[in-house]
C-alpha cells in the first residue's frame, strides 16, 4: 500500500513537484463562457435571423461534443484556433448558416478575449516561488502547442521558476503519456516516490502519475468535487495551489 503523503509545510517538502499550468497556476478557462457570449454578441449584426443566445447554446453543446473525444482533444489542443473555428462553423451550420469566414471571426474574437483574461490564481505564482526557495525541485508539464504555452509562460515570468519545462507541442507527446513524467523525473534526477504531480486533470495529473508511483494531488479548481463513482482517488485534494503553502 502506498503511504499517504505528508502535509506540505516548511518542514515537510517533497524533493520535487511536477506542476500543471492551465487551471492550476493560471486561470485559463474560468471566463470561457463569458468570452464566448461576448464573441457572439460582438457579431450579432452578421448573424441575420440567428439570435446570439441561441448560437451560444449550440456552441456550448458542440464544444462539449468536440472535446469529449480523446483524439479530437489531442489534435485540437495543439491547434486551438482551428478547433474553435470548427466548433463555430458546425454550430452555425446547425442553425442553417453557411459562413466559414464568420465562424473564423467569431472564433478569433473568442480567442483574443480569452487570452486577455487569463490571469494567475491568487497566490499561485508566489507558492511556486516559495517552493523553489525552500529547496523543492520543480518541473512544469503542460499540454498544448509550444507557441501558445510559451507565450503564457513568458507573459507571467514563469520560466525561471522551473528547472525543466515540458510542453506537449514541443515534445511530440504529452500527458498522460508515461514518457513525459519520466522525462521530468530524469531531468530532476529523482525517483517517482520522491515526486508529487499537481494539477486539475484527474487522469493526466493524478491517475497517470500514480501508476508510475508519483503522488497525485488534484486541484479541484471549480469546487465541483470528485465526480460520483469516479475511479481515480487523488492522494490529496486542494482548491487552489496556494493551499500547498498552508499547513493543514
Protein backbone atom coordinates (compact mmCIF):
# COMPACT_ATOMS: atom_id res chain seq x y z
CA UNK A 1 0.00 0.00 0.00
CA UNK A 2 1.31 3.46 -0.93
CA UNK A 3 1.87 5.69 2.12
CA UNK A 4 -0.19 8.83 2.48
CA UNK A 5 1.75 11.96 1.59
CA UNK A 6 2.55 14.35 4.43
CA UNK A 7 1.16 17.86 4.51
CA UNK A 8 3.32 20.45 2.81
CA UNK A 9 4.80 22.69 5.48
CA UNK A 10 8.12 24.45 5.89
CA UNK A 11 9.44 21.19 7.37
CA UNK A 12 7.87 18.64 5.03
CA UNK A 13 8.56 19.39 1.39
CA UNK A 14 8.86 16.68 -1.23
CA UNK A 15 12.08 16.57 -3.17
CA UNK A 16 10.27 17.64 -6.32
CA UNK A 17 6.94 18.80 -7.67
CA UNK A 18 5.70 18.33 -11.20
CA UNK A 19 3.21 21.11 -11.87
CA UNK A 20 0.49 21.62 -14.43
CA UNK A 21 0.00 25.10 -15.91
CA UNK A 22 -3.57 25.74 -17.10
CA UNK A 23 -6.23 25.82 -14.40
CA UNK A 24 -3.54 25.06 -11.83
CA UNK A 25 -1.20 28.06 -11.90
CA UNK A 26 -3.20 30.12 -14.41
CA UNK A 27 -6.96 30.54 -14.57
CA UNK A 28 -7.24 29.55 -18.21
CA UNK A 29 -10.89 28.53 -18.55
CA UNK A 30 -12.70 30.29 -15.73
CA UNK A 31 -14.10 33.00 -18.01
CA UNK A 32 -14.50 30.93 -21.16
CA UNK A 33 -18.31 31.06 -21.14
CA UNK A 34 -18.24 34.82 -20.75
CA UNK A 35 -15.78 35.14 -23.65
CA UNK A 36 -17.96 33.01 -25.93
CA UNK A 37 -21.01 35.12 -25.04
CA UNK A 38 -19.16 38.36 -25.79
CA UNK A 39 -17.81 37.00 -29.08
CA UNK A 40 -21.29 36.02 -30.24
CA UNK A 41 -22.77 39.37 -29.21
CA UNK A 42 -19.97 41.25 -30.98
CA UNK A 43 -21.07 39.65 -34.27
CA UNK A 44 -24.81 39.99 -33.76
CA UNK A 45 -25.20 42.18 -36.86
CA UNK A 46 -23.62 39.44 -39.00
CA UNK A 47 -25.87 36.66 -37.73
CA UNK A 48 -29.03 37.69 -39.52
CA UNK A 49 -32.02 35.90 -38.03
CA UNK A 50 -29.87 33.84 -35.66
CA UNK A 51 -30.09 35.01 -32.07
CA UNK A 52 -26.67 35.25 -30.35
CA UNK A 53 -28.04 33.43 -27.30
CA UNK A 54 -29.17 30.53 -29.50
CA UNK A 55 -25.78 30.36 -31.19
CA UNK A 56 -24.11 30.43 -27.77
CA UNK A 57 -26.22 27.47 -26.64
CA UNK A 58 -25.36 25.44 -29.75
CA UNK A 59 -21.66 26.31 -29.40
CA UNK A 60 -21.81 25.02 -25.84
CA UNK A 61 -23.19 21.68 -26.94
CA UNK A 62 -20.71 21.38 -29.81
CA UNK A 63 -17.80 22.28 -27.56
CA UNK A 64 -18.74 19.52 -25.15
CA UNK A 65 -19.02 17.04 -28.01
CA UNK A 66 -15.78 18.11 -29.68
CA UNK A 67 -13.62 17.95 -26.57
CA UNK A 68 -15.18 14.71 -25.28
CA UNK A 69 -13.28 12.60 -27.82
CA UNK A 70 -9.67 11.94 -26.70
CA UNK A 71 -8.21 12.02 -30.20
CA UNK A 72 -10.07 15.20 -31.19
CA UNK A 73 -8.93 16.68 -27.88
CA UNK A 74 -5.30 15.80 -28.60
CA UNK A 75 -5.36 17.29 -32.10
CA UNK A 76 -7.50 20.27 -31.12
CA UNK A 77 -5.41 21.42 -28.19
CA UNK A 78 -2.35 21.54 -30.45
CA UNK A 79 -4.17 23.97 -32.78
CA UNK A 80 -6.84 25.68 -30.74
CA UNK A 81 -7.68 28.39 -33.31
CA UNK A 82 -8.55 25.69 -35.85
CA UNK A 83 -10.53 23.71 -33.27
CA UNK A 84 -12.52 26.77 -32.22
CA UNK A 85 -13.22 27.67 -35.83
CA UNK A 86 -14.52 24.16 -36.48
CA UNK A 87 -16.78 24.32 -33.43
CA UNK A 88 -18.30 27.65 -34.51
CA UNK A 89 -18.62 26.58 -38.16
CA UNK A 90 -20.57 23.43 -37.26
CA UNK A 91 -22.69 25.41 -34.81
CA UNK A 92 -23.63 27.96 -37.48
CA UNK A 93 -24.39 25.17 -39.94
CA UNK A 94 -26.69 23.55 -37.39
CA UNK A 95 -28.63 26.83 -37.41
CA UNK A 96 -28.76 26.98 -41.20
CA UNK A 97 -25.90 29.43 -41.68
CA UNK A 98 -23.09 28.51 -44.07
CA UNK A 99 -20.48 31.18 -43.30
CA UNK A 100 -16.95 29.86 -42.71
CA UNK A 101 -15.43 33.35 -42.62
CA UNK A 102 -17.91 34.47 -39.97
CA UNK A 103 -17.13 31.34 -37.96
CA UNK A 104 -13.46 32.19 -38.11
CA UNK A 105 -14.08 35.77 -36.98
CA UNK A 106 -16.21 34.66 -34.03
CA UNK A 107 -13.61 32.07 -33.04
CA UNK A 108 -10.83 34.66 -33.24
CA UNK A 109 -12.87 37.11 -31.17
CA UNK A 110 -13.32 34.44 -28.53
CA UNK A 111 -9.62 33.54 -28.55
CA UNK A 112 -8.43 37.13 -28.15
CA UNK A 113 -10.86 37.78 -25.31
CA UNK A 114 -9.87 34.60 -23.52
CA UNK A 115 -6.16 35.28 -23.91
CA UNK A 116 -6.54 38.76 -22.43
CA UNK A 117 -8.44 37.46 -19.41
CA UNK A 118 -6.04 34.70 -18.41
CA UNK A 119 -4.58 35.51 -15.00
CA UNK A 120 -2.72 33.60 -12.29
CA UNK A 121 -4.80 32.26 -9.46
CA UNK A 122 -4.36 34.21 -6.23
CA UNK A 123 -1.11 33.17 -4.56
CA UNK A 124 -0.22 30.59 -7.22
CA UNK A 125 3.00 32.12 -8.55
CA UNK A 126 4.03 33.12 -5.05
CA UNK A 127 3.56 29.49 -3.98
CA UNK A 128 5.72 28.22 -6.85
CA UNK A 129 8.41 30.71 -5.89
CA UNK A 130 8.17 29.67 -2.22
CA UNK A 131 8.56 26.01 -3.15
CA UNK A 132 11.67 26.75 -5.16
CA UNK A 133 13.17 28.95 -2.44
CA UNK A 134 12.65 26.14 0.05
CA UNK A 135 14.63 23.65 -1.98
CA UNK A 136 11.86 21.86 -3.87
CA UNK A 137 12.88 20.97 -7.42
CA UNK A 138 10.25 21.96 -9.93
CA UNK A 139 9.16 20.83 -13.38
CA UNK A 140 6.33 22.28 -15.45
CA UNK A 141 4.34 19.76 -17.52
CA UNK A 142 1.77 21.24 -19.85
CA UNK A 143 -0.20 20.06 -22.85
CA UNK A 144 -0.94 22.21 -25.88
CA UNK A 145 1.07 23.89 -28.61
CA UNK A 146 4.56 25.11 -27.91
CA UNK A 147 3.89 28.64 -29.12
CA UNK A 148 0.71 29.11 -27.09
CA UNK A 149 2.14 27.71 -23.89
CA UNK A 150 5.46 29.57 -24.20
CA UNK A 151 3.52 32.80 -24.68
CA UNK A 152 1.77 32.28 -21.34
CA UNK A 153 4.96 31.18 -19.61
CA UNK A 154 6.77 34.30 -20.82
CA UNK A 155 3.86 36.63 -20.10
CA UNK A 156 3.79 35.67 -16.43
CA UNK A 157 7.55 35.25 -15.93
CA UNK A 158 7.38 31.56 -15.07
CA UNK A 159 10.38 30.18 -16.94
CA UNK A 160 12.98 30.96 -14.27
CA UNK A 161 10.94 29.21 -11.57
CA UNK A 162 11.32 25.75 -13.13
CA UNK A 163 14.33 23.56 -13.75
CA UNK A 164 12.65 21.95 -16.70
CA UNK A 165 9.60 22.81 -18.81
CA UNK A 166 7.99 20.06 -20.89
CA UNK A 167 5.38 21.09 -23.45
CA UNK A 168 3.40 18.59 -25.50
CA UNK A 169 3.71 20.54 -28.74
CA UNK A 170 7.49 20.67 -28.44
CA UNK A 171 7.95 17.04 -27.44
CA UNK A 172 5.50 15.38 -29.80
CA UNK A 173 3.75 13.74 -26.83
CA UNK A 174 2.30 14.91 -23.55
CA UNK A 175 0.25 13.92 -20.54
CA UNK A 176 -0.93 11.20 -19.89
CA UNK A 177 1.89 9.55 -21.88
CA UNK A 178 4.20 7.96 -19.30
CA UNK A 179 7.23 9.29 -21.17
CA UNK A 180 6.59 12.89 -20.20
CA UNK A 181 6.63 12.12 -16.47
CA UNK A 182 9.75 10.02 -16.98
CA UNK A 183 11.49 12.90 -18.74
CA UNK A 184 10.63 15.20 -15.84
CA UNK A 185 11.94 12.75 -13.25
CA UNK A 186 15.15 12.22 -15.22
CA UNK A 187 15.68 15.96 -15.66
CA UNK A 188 15.35 16.48 -11.91
CA UNK A 189 17.36 13.38 -11.01
CA UNK A 190 14.72 11.93 -8.70
CA UNK A 191 12.72 8.73 -8.24
CA UNK A 192 8.94 8.57 -8.66
CA UNK A 193 8.27 8.18 -4.93
CA UNK A 194 10.16 11.44 -4.30
CA UNK A 195 7.84 13.49 -6.51
CA UNK A 196 4.32 14.84 -6.47
CA UNK A 197 2.29 15.80 -9.51
CA UNK A 198 -0.16 18.66 -9.02
CA UNK A 199 -2.88 19.62 -11.46
CA UNK A 200 -6.57 19.90 -12.28
CA UNK A 201 -6.99 16.91 -14.62
CA UNK A 202 -7.86 13.71 -12.81
CA UNK A 203 -6.36 11.46 -15.49
CA UNK A 204 -3.35 13.49 -16.63
CA UNK A 205 -2.30 14.92 -13.26
CA UNK A 206 -3.41 12.21 -10.85
CA UNK A 207 -4.13 8.76 -12.26
CA UNK A 208 -1.30 8.57 -14.81
CA UNK A 209 1.38 9.78 -12.35
CA UNK A 210 0.03 7.47 -9.64
CA UNK A 211 0.52 4.48 -11.94
CA UNK A 212 4.22 5.37 -12.00
CA UNK A 213 4.48 5.73 -8.22
CA UNK A 214 4.16 9.53 -8.12
CA UNK A 215 1.77 11.10 -5.60
CA UNK A 216 -1.13 12.79 -7.36
CA UNK A 217 -2.61 15.99 -5.96
CA UNK A 218 -5.82 17.16 -7.61
CA UNK A 219 -6.63 20.86 -7.81
CA UNK A 220 -10.44 20.99 -7.67
CA UNK A 221 -10.36 24.45 -9.15
CA UNK A 222 -14.12 24.80 -9.65
CA UNK A 223 -15.04 23.22 -6.29
CA UNK A 224 -17.04 20.56 -8.12
CA UNK A 225 -15.85 17.64 -6.00
CA UNK A 226 -14.97 14.23 -7.38
CA UNK A 227 -17.48 13.00 -9.96
CA UNK A 228 -19.76 10.31 -8.48
CA UNK A 229 -18.20 6.85 -8.58
CA UNK A 230 -15.11 8.21 -10.33
CA UNK A 231 -12.36 5.57 -10.18
CA UNK A 232 -9.50 8.00 -9.59
CA UNK A 233 -8.65 8.73 -5.97
CA UNK A 234 -6.20 11.60 -5.52
CA UNK A 235 -3.67 11.43 -2.70
CA UNK A 236 -4.75 14.92 -1.75
CA UNK A 237 -7.35 17.41 -2.97
CA UNK A 238 -6.87 21.17 -2.82
CA UNK A 239 -8.98 24.03 -4.14
CA UNK A 240 -6.02 26.17 -5.17
CA UNK A 241 -2.29 25.80 -5.49
CA UNK A 242 -1.68 28.23 -2.65
CA UNK A 243 -3.05 25.65 -0.20
CA UNK A 244 0.25 23.79 -0.58
CA UNK A 245 1.84 26.68 1.30
CA UNK A 246 -0.64 26.43 4.13
CA UNK A 247 -0.19 23.80 6.88
CA UNK A 248 -3.25 21.60 7.32
